[in-house]
Each structure stands twice: as structure tokens, then as C-alpha cells.
PDB file of N, CA and C in Angstrom:
ATOM      1  N   UNK A   1      23.237 -20.527 -44.481  1.00  0.00           N
ATOM      2  CA  UNK A   1      23.624 -19.141 -44.616  1.00  0.00           C
ATOM      3  C   UNK A   1      22.514 -18.396 -45.374  1.00  0.00           C
ATOM      4  N   UNK A   2      22.192 -17.207 -44.896  1.00  0.00           N
ATOM      5  CA  UNK A   2      21.169 -16.399 -45.543  1.00  0.00           C
ATOM      6  C   UNK A   2      21.778 -15.618 -46.704  1.00  0.00           C
ATOM      7  N   UNK A   3      21.016 -15.552 -47.782  1.00  0.00           N
ATOM      8  CA  UNK A   3      21.457 -14.851 -48.980  1.00  0.00           C
ATOM      9  C   UNK A   3      21.517 -13.339 -48.728  1.00  0.00           C
ATOM     10  N   UNK A   4      22.451 -12.699 -49.398  1.00  0.00           N
ATOM     11  CA  UNK A   4      22.589 -11.254 -49.312  1.00  0.00           C
ATOM     12  C   UNK A   4      21.696 -10.562 -50.335  1.00  0.00           C
ATOM     13  N   UNK A   5      21.302  -9.353 -50.014  1.00  0.00           N
ATOM     14  CA  UNK A   5      20.620  -8.464 -50.946  1.00  0.00           C
ATOM     15  C   UNK A   5      21.483  -7.224 -51.059  1.00  0.00           C
ATOM     16  N   UNK A   6      21.780  -6.833 -52.296  1.00  0.00           N
ATOM     17  CA  UNK A   6      22.609  -5.659 -52.544  1.00  0.00           C
ATOM     18  C   UNK A   6      21.786  -4.659 -53.351  1.00  0.00           C
ATOM     19  N   UNK A   7      21.407  -3.554 -52.708  1.00  0.00           N
ATOM     20  CA  UNK A   7      20.748  -2.463 -53.420  1.00  0.00           C
ATOM     21  C   UNK A   7      21.842  -1.655 -54.096  1.00  0.00           C
ATOM     22  N   UNK A   8      21.728  -1.469 -55.410  1.00  0.00           N
ATOM     23  CA  UNK A   8      22.795  -0.830 -56.162  1.00  0.00           C
ATOM     24  C   UNK A   8      22.233   0.143 -57.192  1.00  0.00           C
ATOM     25  N   UNK A   9      23.150   0.813 -57.876  1.00  0.00           N
ATOM     26  CA  UNK A   9      22.801   1.662 -59.014  1.00  0.00           C
ATOM     27  C   UNK A   9      23.940   1.570 -60.015  1.00  0.00           C
ATOM     28  N   UNK A  10      23.709   2.040 -61.216  1.00  0.00           N
ATOM     29  CA  UNK A  10      24.714   1.994 -62.276  1.00  0.00           C
ATOM     30  C   UNK A  10      25.893   2.911 -61.952  1.00  0.00           C
ATOM     31  N   UNK A  11      27.056   2.559 -62.477  1.00  0.00           N
ATOM     32  CA  UNK A  11      28.269   3.373 -62.355  1.00  0.00           C
ATOM     33  C   UNK A  11      28.638   3.689 -60.909  1.00  0.00           C
ATOM     34  N   UNK A  12      28.446   2.729 -60.033  1.00  0.00           N
ATOM     35  CA  UNK A  12      28.755   2.885 -58.616  1.00  0.00           C
ATOM     36  C   UNK A  12      29.948   1.993 -58.288  1.00  0.00           C
ATOM     37  N   UNK A  13      31.099   2.599 -58.016  1.00  0.00           N
ATOM     38  CA  UNK A  13      32.304   1.800 -57.784  1.00  0.00           C
ATOM     39  C   UNK A  13      32.198   0.954 -56.513  1.00  0.00           C
ATOM     40  N   UNK A  14      31.538   1.472 -55.485  1.00  0.00           N
ATOM     41  CA  UNK A  14      31.393   0.674 -54.259  1.00  0.00           C
ATOM     42  C   UNK A  14      30.424  -0.483 -54.467  1.00  0.00           C
ATOM     43  N   UNK A  15      29.425  -0.308 -55.302  1.00  0.00           N
ATOM     44  CA  UNK A  15      28.519  -1.416 -55.641  1.00  0.00           C
ATOM     45  C   UNK A  15      29.310  -2.518 -56.350  1.00  0.00           C
ATOM     46  N   UNK A  16      30.142  -2.118 -57.292  1.00  0.00           N
ATOM     47  CA  UNK A  16      30.973  -3.068 -58.028  1.00  0.00           C
ATOM     48  C   UNK A  16      31.905  -3.803 -57.081  1.00  0.00           C
ATOM     49  N   UNK A  17      32.512  -3.091 -56.133  1.00  0.00           N
ATOM     50  CA  UNK A  17      33.411  -3.710 -55.157  1.00  0.00           C
ATOM     51  C   UNK A  17      32.674  -4.718 -54.284  1.00  0.00           C
ATOM     52  N   UNK A  18      31.489  -4.342 -53.815  1.00  0.00           N
ATOM     53  CA  UNK A  18      30.722  -5.241 -52.943  1.00  0.00           C
ATOM     54  C   UNK A  18      30.380  -6.532 -53.677  1.00  0.00           C
ATOM     55  N   UNK A  19      29.890  -6.418 -54.902  1.00  0.00           N
ATOM     56  CA  UNK A  19      29.519  -7.610 -55.667  1.00  0.00           C
ATOM     57  C   UNK A  19      30.737  -8.453 -56.008  1.00  0.00           C
ATOM     58  N   UNK A  20      31.847  -7.805 -56.343  1.00  0.00           N
ATOM     59  CA  UNK A  20      33.077  -8.546 -56.668  1.00  0.00           C
ATOM     60  C   UNK A  20      33.583  -9.306 -55.449  1.00  0.00           C
ATOM     61  N   UNK A  21      33.537  -8.696 -54.280  1.00  0.00           N
ATOM     62  CA  UNK A  21      33.985  -9.367 -53.060  1.00  0.00           C
ATOM     63  C   UNK A  21      33.102 -10.572 -52.751  1.00  0.00           C
ATOM     64  N   UNK A  22      31.801 -10.422 -52.909  1.00  0.00           N
ATOM     65  CA  UNK A  22      30.899 -11.554 -52.670  1.00  0.00           C
ATOM     66  C   UNK A  22      31.131 -12.659 -53.685  1.00  0.00           C
ATOM     67  N   UNK A  23      31.348 -12.271 -54.959  1.00  0.00           N
ATOM     68  CA  UNK A  23      31.650 -13.268 -55.993  1.00  0.00           C
ATOM     69  C   UNK A  23      32.942 -14.011 -55.660  1.00  0.00           C
ATOM     70  N   UNK A  24      33.956 -13.250 -55.244  1.00  0.00           N
ATOM     71  CA  UNK A  24      35.254 -13.833 -54.911  1.00  0.00           C
ATOM     72  C   UNK A  24      35.140 -14.846 -53.774  1.00  0.00           C
ATOM     73  N   UNK A  25      34.301 -14.554 -52.806  1.00  0.00           N
ATOM     74  CA  UNK A  25      34.139 -15.431 -51.649  1.00  0.00           C
ATOM     75  C   UNK A  25      33.095 -16.528 -51.887  1.00  0.00           C
ATOM     76  N   UNK A  26      32.383 -16.440 -53.018  1.00  0.00           N
ATOM     77  CA  UNK A  26      31.407 -17.463 -53.359  1.00  0.00           C
ATOM     78  C   UNK A  26      30.074 -17.331 -52.650  1.00  0.00           C
ATOM     79  N   UNK A  27      29.701 -16.102 -52.243  1.00  0.00           N
ATOM     80  CA  UNK A  27      28.450 -15.888 -51.531  1.00  0.00           C
ATOM     81  C   UNK A  27      27.346 -15.480 -52.492  1.00  0.00           C
ATOM     82  N   UNK A  28      26.167 -16.017 -52.258  1.00  0.00           N
ATOM     83  CA  UNK A  28      25.015 -15.696 -53.091  1.00  0.00           C
ATOM     84  C   UNK A  28      24.430 -14.349 -52.701  1.00  0.00           C
ATOM     85  N   UNK A  29      24.017 -13.594 -53.715  1.00  0.00           N
ATOM     86  CA  UNK A  29      23.340 -12.332 -53.445  1.00  0.00           C
ATOM     87  C   UNK A  29      22.353 -12.032 -54.564  1.00  0.00           C
ATOM     88  N   UNK A  30      21.378 -11.246 -54.202  1.00  0.00           N
ATOM     89  CA  UNK A  30      20.415 -10.735 -55.174  1.00  0.00           C
ATOM     90  C   UNK A  30      20.719  -9.247 -55.334  1.00  0.00           C
ATOM     91  N   UNK A  31      20.970  -8.838 -56.560  1.00  0.00           N
ATOM     92  CA  UNK A  31      21.193  -7.418 -56.816  1.00  0.00           C
ATOM     93  C   UNK A  31      19.867  -6.749 -57.133  1.00  0.00           C
ATOM     94  N   UNK A  32      19.630  -5.619 -56.487  1.00  0.00           N
ATOM     95  CA  UNK A  32      18.433  -4.827 -56.746  1.00  0.00           C
ATOM     96  C   UNK A  32      18.875  -3.445 -57.228  1.00  0.00           C
ATOM     97  N   UNK A  33      19.066  -3.345 -58.531  1.00  0.00           N
ATOM     98  CA  UNK A  33      19.539  -2.109 -59.142  1.00  0.00           C
ATOM     99  C   UNK A  33      18.361  -1.170 -59.351  1.00  0.00           C
ATOM    100  N   UNK A  34      18.405  -0.003 -58.712  1.00  0.00           N
ATOM    101  CA  UNK A  34      17.283   0.937 -58.781  1.00  0.00           C
ATOM    102  C   UNK A  34      17.195   1.650 -60.123  1.00  0.00           C
ATOM    103  N   UNK A  35      18.189   1.442 -60.981  1.00  0.00           N
ATOM    104  CA  UNK A  35      18.151   2.033 -62.311  1.00  0.00           C
ATOM    105  C   UNK A  35      17.827   0.990 -63.378  1.00  0.00           C
ATOM    106  N   UNK A  36      17.458  -0.190 -62.931  1.00  0.00           N
ATOM    107  CA  UNK A  36      17.085  -1.267 -63.840  1.00  0.00           C
ATOM    108  C   UNK A  36      15.577  -1.343 -63.984  1.00  0.00           C
ATOM    109  N   UNK A  37      15.103  -2.350 -64.697  1.00  0.00           N
ATOM    110  CA  UNK A  37      13.666  -2.445 -64.955  1.00  0.00           C
ATOM    111  C   UNK A  37      12.838  -2.991 -63.793  1.00  0.00           C
ATOM    112  N   UNK A  38      13.474  -3.649 -62.819  1.00  0.00           N
ATOM    113  CA  UNK A  38      12.716  -4.360 -61.786  1.00  0.00           C
ATOM    114  C   UNK A  38      12.583  -3.644 -60.452  1.00  0.00           C
ATOM    115  N   UNK A  39      13.464  -2.692 -60.176  1.00  0.00           N
ATOM    116  CA  UNK A  39      13.473  -2.025 -58.871  1.00  0.00           C
ATOM    117  C   UNK A  39      13.499  -0.517 -59.055  1.00  0.00           C
ATOM    118  N   UNK A  40      12.929   0.194 -58.094  1.00  0.00           N
ATOM    119  CA  UNK A  40      12.822   1.652 -58.197  1.00  0.00           C
ATOM    120  C   UNK A  40      13.466   2.324 -56.980  1.00  0.00           C
ATOM    121  N   UNK A  41      13.828   3.599 -57.118  1.00  0.00           N
ATOM    122  CA  UNK A  41      14.324   4.325 -55.949  1.00  0.00           C
ATOM    123  C   UNK A  41      13.309   4.327 -54.797  1.00  0.00           C
ATOM    124  N   UNK A  42      12.026   4.384 -55.117  1.00  0.00           N
ATOM    125  CA  UNK A  42      11.005   4.369 -54.069  1.00  0.00           C
ATOM    126  C   UNK A  42      11.069   3.071 -53.261  1.00  0.00           C
ATOM    127  N   UNK A  43      11.256   1.947 -53.934  1.00  0.00           N
ATOM    128  CA  UNK A  43      11.389   0.667 -53.233  1.00  0.00           C
ATOM    129  C   UNK A  43      12.650   0.653 -52.374  1.00  0.00           C
ATOM    130  N   UNK A  44      13.730   1.236 -52.880  1.00  0.00           N
ATOM    131  CA  UNK A  44      14.976   1.348 -52.113  1.00  0.00           C
ATOM    132  C   UNK A  44      14.739   2.114 -50.819  1.00  0.00           C
ATOM    133  N   UNK A  45      14.107   3.289 -50.919  1.00  0.00           N
ATOM    134  CA  UNK A  45      13.906   4.130 -49.738  1.00  0.00           C
ATOM    135  C   UNK A  45      12.973   3.482 -48.713  1.00  0.00           C
ATOM    136  N   UNK A  46      12.084   2.612 -49.166  1.00  0.00           N
ATOM    137  CA  UNK A  46      11.219   1.880 -48.233  1.00  0.00           C
ATOM    138  C   UNK A  46      11.967   0.744 -47.542  1.00  0.00           C
ATOM    139  N   UNK A  47      13.016   0.220 -48.186  1.00  0.00           N
ATOM    140  CA  UNK A  47      13.739  -0.943 -47.653  1.00  0.00           C
ATOM    141  C   UNK A  47      14.843  -0.578 -46.670  1.00  0.00           C
ATOM    142  N   UNK A  48      15.439   0.597 -46.848  1.00  0.00           N
ATOM    143  CA  UNK A  48      16.602   0.972 -46.036  1.00  0.00           C
ATOM    144  C   UNK A  48      16.201   1.899 -44.895  1.00  0.00           C
ATOM    145  N   UNK A  49      17.062   2.052 -43.891  1.00  0.00           N
ATOM    146  CA  UNK A  49      16.745   2.960 -42.779  1.00  0.00           C
ATOM    147  C   UNK A  49      16.516   4.401 -43.262  1.00  0.00           C
ATOM    148  N   UNK A  50      15.658   5.142 -42.581  1.00  0.00           N
ATOM    149  CA  UNK A  50      15.394   6.533 -42.960  1.00  0.00           C
ATOM    150  C   UNK A  50      16.688   7.351 -43.041  1.00  0.00           C
ATOM    151  N   UNK A  51      16.765   8.181 -44.059  1.00  0.00           N
ATOM    152  CA  UNK A  51      17.921   9.039 -44.247  1.00  0.00           C
ATOM    153  C   UNK A  51      19.047   8.422 -45.057  1.00  0.00           C
ATOM    154  N   UNK A  52      18.940   7.145 -45.380  1.00  0.00           N
ATOM    155  CA  UNK A  52      19.978   6.466 -46.161  1.00  0.00           C
ATOM    156  C   UNK A  52      19.930   6.968 -47.597  1.00  0.00           C
ATOM    157  N   UNK A  53      21.099   7.360 -48.125  1.00  0.00           N
ATOM    158  CA  UNK A  53      21.159   7.894 -49.482  1.00  0.00           C
ATOM    159  C   UNK A  53      22.289   7.301 -50.312  1.00  0.00           C
ATOM    160  N   UNK A  54      23.191   6.531 -49.696  1.00  0.00           N
ATOM    161  CA  UNK A  54      24.355   6.033 -50.421  1.00  0.00           C
ATOM    162  C   UNK A  54      24.143   4.610 -50.915  1.00  0.00           C
ATOM    163  N   UNK A  55      24.929   4.248 -51.902  1.00  0.00           N
ATOM    164  CA  UNK A  55      24.905   2.898 -52.480  1.00  0.00           C
ATOM    165  C   UNK A  55      26.292   2.303 -52.373  1.00  0.00           C
ATOM    166  N   UNK A  56      26.368   0.983 -52.243  1.00  0.00           N
ATOM    167  CA  UNK A  56      25.275   0.044 -52.092  1.00  0.00           C
ATOM    168  C   UNK A  56      24.763   0.032 -50.653  1.00  0.00           C
ATOM    169  N   UNK A  57      23.617  -0.578 -50.482  1.00  0.00           N
ATOM    170  CA  UNK A  57      23.084  -0.885 -49.156  1.00  0.00           C
ATOM    171  C   UNK A  57      22.869  -2.389 -49.140  1.00  0.00           C
ATOM    172  N   UNK A  58      23.361  -3.030 -48.105  1.00  0.00           N
ATOM    173  CA  UNK A  58      23.468  -4.487 -48.087  1.00  0.00           C
ATOM    174  C   UNK A  58      22.714  -5.064 -46.894  1.00  0.00           C
ATOM    175  N   UNK A  59      22.011  -6.151 -47.160  1.00  0.00           N
ATOM    176  CA  UNK A  59      21.303  -6.912 -46.140  1.00  0.00           C
ATOM    177  C   UNK A  59      21.770  -8.358 -46.227  1.00  0.00           C
ATOM    178  N   UNK A  60      21.765  -9.065 -45.101  1.00  0.00           N
ATOM    179  CA  UNK A  60      21.935 -10.510 -45.098  1.00  0.00           C
ATOM    180  C   UNK A  60      20.657 -11.068 -44.510  1.00  0.00           C
ATOM    181  N   UNK A  61      19.837 -11.668 -45.358  1.00  0.00           N
ATOM    182  CA  UNK A  61      18.493 -12.036 -44.931  1.00  0.00           C
ATOM    183  C   UNK A  61      17.765 -10.762 -44.560  1.00  0.00           C
ATOM    184  N   UNK A  62      17.209 -10.712 -43.355  1.00  0.00           N
ATOM    185  CA  UNK A  62      16.517  -9.517 -42.876  1.00  0.00           C
ATOM    186  C   UNK A  62      17.433  -8.575 -42.100  1.00  0.00           C
ATOM    187  N   UNK A  63      18.682  -8.991 -41.882  1.00  0.00           N
ATOM    188  CA  UNK A  63      19.619  -8.181 -41.097  1.00  0.00           C
ATOM    189  C   UNK A  63      20.241  -7.093 -41.973  1.00  0.00           C
ATOM    190  N   UNK A  64      20.101  -5.851 -41.532  1.00  0.00           N
ATOM    191  CA  UNK A  64      20.693  -4.724 -42.246  1.00  0.00           C
ATOM    192  C   UNK A  64      22.183  -4.659 -41.946  1.00  0.00           C
ATOM    193  N   UNK A  65      23.009  -4.669 -42.973  1.00  0.00           N
ATOM    194  CA  UNK A  65      24.460  -4.596 -42.831  1.00  0.00           C
ATOM    195  C   UNK A  65      24.942  -3.163 -43.020  1.00  0.00           C
ATOM    196  N   UNK A  66      24.467  -2.494 -44.073  1.00  0.00           N
ATOM    197  CA  UNK A  66      24.871  -1.118 -44.359  1.00  0.00           C
ATOM    198  C   UNK A  66      25.591  -1.026 -45.688  1.00  0.00           C
ATOM    199  N   UNK A  67      26.569  -0.137 -45.738  1.00  0.00           N
ATOM    200  CA  UNK A  67      27.302   0.148 -46.972  1.00  0.00           C
ATOM    201  C   UNK A  67      28.411  -0.885 -47.197  1.00  0.00           C
ATOM    202  N   UNK A  68      29.151  -0.707 -48.276  1.00  0.00           N
ATOM    203  CA  UNK A  68      30.302  -1.567 -48.560  1.00  0.00           C
ATOM    204  C   UNK A  68      31.293  -1.536 -47.399  1.00  0.00           C
ATOM    205  N   UNK A  69      31.646  -0.346 -46.938  1.00  0.00           N
ATOM    206  CA  UNK A  69      32.591  -0.220 -45.825  1.00  0.00           C
ATOM    207  C   UNK A  69      32.070  -0.916 -44.567  1.00  0.00           C
ATOM    208  N   UNK A  70      30.778  -0.799 -44.310  1.00  0.00           N
ATOM    209  CA  UNK A  70      30.175  -1.477 -43.153  1.00  0.00           C
ATOM    210  C   UNK A  70      30.302  -2.995 -43.297  1.00  0.00           C
ATOM    211  N   UNK A  71      30.062  -3.498 -44.518  1.00  0.00           N
ATOM    212  CA  UNK A  71      30.164  -4.928 -44.760  1.00  0.00           C
ATOM    213  C   UNK A  71      31.580  -5.424 -44.492  1.00  0.00           C
ATOM    214  N   UNK A  72      32.576  -4.704 -44.992  1.00  0.00           N
ATOM    215  CA  UNK A  72      33.971  -5.096 -44.784  1.00  0.00           C
ATOM    216  C   UNK A  72      34.310  -5.076 -43.298  1.00  0.00           C
ATOM    217  N   UNK A  73      33.835  -4.072 -42.576  1.00  0.00           N
ATOM    218  CA  UNK A  73      34.073  -3.986 -41.134  1.00  0.00           C
ATOM    219  C   UNK A  73      33.437  -5.159 -40.402  1.00  0.00           C
ATOM    220  N   UNK A  74      32.180  -5.483 -40.735  1.00  0.00           N
ATOM    221  CA  UNK A  74      31.503  -6.627 -40.106  1.00  0.00           C
ATOM    222  C   UNK A  74      32.288  -7.918 -40.332  1.00  0.00           C
ATOM    223  N   UNK A  75      32.777  -8.114 -41.574  1.00  0.00           N
ATOM    224  CA  UNK A  75      33.563  -9.311 -41.860  1.00  0.00           C
ATOM    225  C   UNK A  75      34.839  -9.343 -41.046  1.00  0.00           C
ATOM    226  N   UNK A  76      35.541  -8.207 -40.985  1.00  0.00           N
ATOM    227  CA  UNK A  76      36.810  -8.144 -40.257  1.00  0.00           C
ATOM    228  C   UNK A  76      36.612  -8.445 -38.761  1.00  0.00           C
ATOM    229  N   UNK A  77      35.475  -8.031 -38.233  1.00  0.00           N
ATOM    230  CA  UNK A  77      35.191  -8.263 -36.812  1.00  0.00           C
ATOM    231  C   UNK A  77      34.550  -9.631 -36.563  1.00  0.00           C
ATOM    232  N   UNK A  78      34.297 -10.377 -37.650  1.00  0.00           N
ATOM    233  CA  UNK A  78      33.691 -11.699 -37.514  1.00  0.00           C
ATOM    234  C   UNK A  78      32.218 -11.653 -37.154  1.00  0.00           C
ATOM    235  N   UNK A  79      31.552 -10.566 -37.498  1.00  0.00           N
ATOM    236  CA  UNK A  79      30.148 -10.388 -37.129  1.00  0.00           C
ATOM    237  C   UNK A  79      29.163 -10.899 -38.178  1.00  0.00           C
ATOM    238  N   UNK A  80      29.670 -11.341 -39.322  1.00  0.00           N
ATOM    239  CA  UNK A  80      28.783 -11.897 -40.344  1.00  0.00           C
ATOM    240  C   UNK A  80      28.995 -13.392 -40.407  1.00  0.00           C
ATOM    241  N   UNK A  81      27.903 -14.122 -40.474  1.00  0.00           N
ATOM    242  CA  UNK A  81      28.001 -15.568 -40.576  1.00  0.00           C
ATOM    243  C   UNK A  81      28.080 -15.927 -42.047  1.00  0.00           C
ATOM    244  N   UNK A  82      29.295 -15.995 -42.533  1.00  0.00           N
ATOM    245  CA  UNK A  82      29.509 -16.297 -43.940  1.00  0.00           C
ATOM    246  C   UNK A  82      30.046 -17.690 -44.042  1.00  0.00           C
TER     247      UNK A  82
END
């Protein structure tokens, strides 16, 4: 299984939900908080599709998943290999 990447920011309820759901299911992820010391908004905008402005933005390996709602939809449809 490919590890998830979660682009996040502070005080984001959907970011918290996404990480909690992954923790609950036991899935590994790397958090890239753009308000932390290691990641910047510029790096976020280079990583996500043009025009993306919401958080979180989630990838599984190199596959772009989208927002928290997109992730939940993919899981419900069985489109993520978890």
C-alpha cells in the first residue's frame, strides 16, 4: 500500500478529520503543514492541481485524491486500495 500525503494547515477541521480517519483505520500518512517549519504555501501550490485552494489536499503515492470529502467518497466507492 502506498503511503498518503496530507497537505494541511493549522485550525483546519477537515484536516483534523482526515488525519483522524487515517489514524483510526491504521493508514500511514505524511502531514505537510504549510504553516509549519518544513513546508510552505508555495510548495503546496506546486504540488496540487491549478486553482486548488482548500485544505486538506490528499495524495496516495503519486495519485491525487483531493479533499477530505473526495477521500471519503473514494473509500465509499472502493476506489482506494487501502
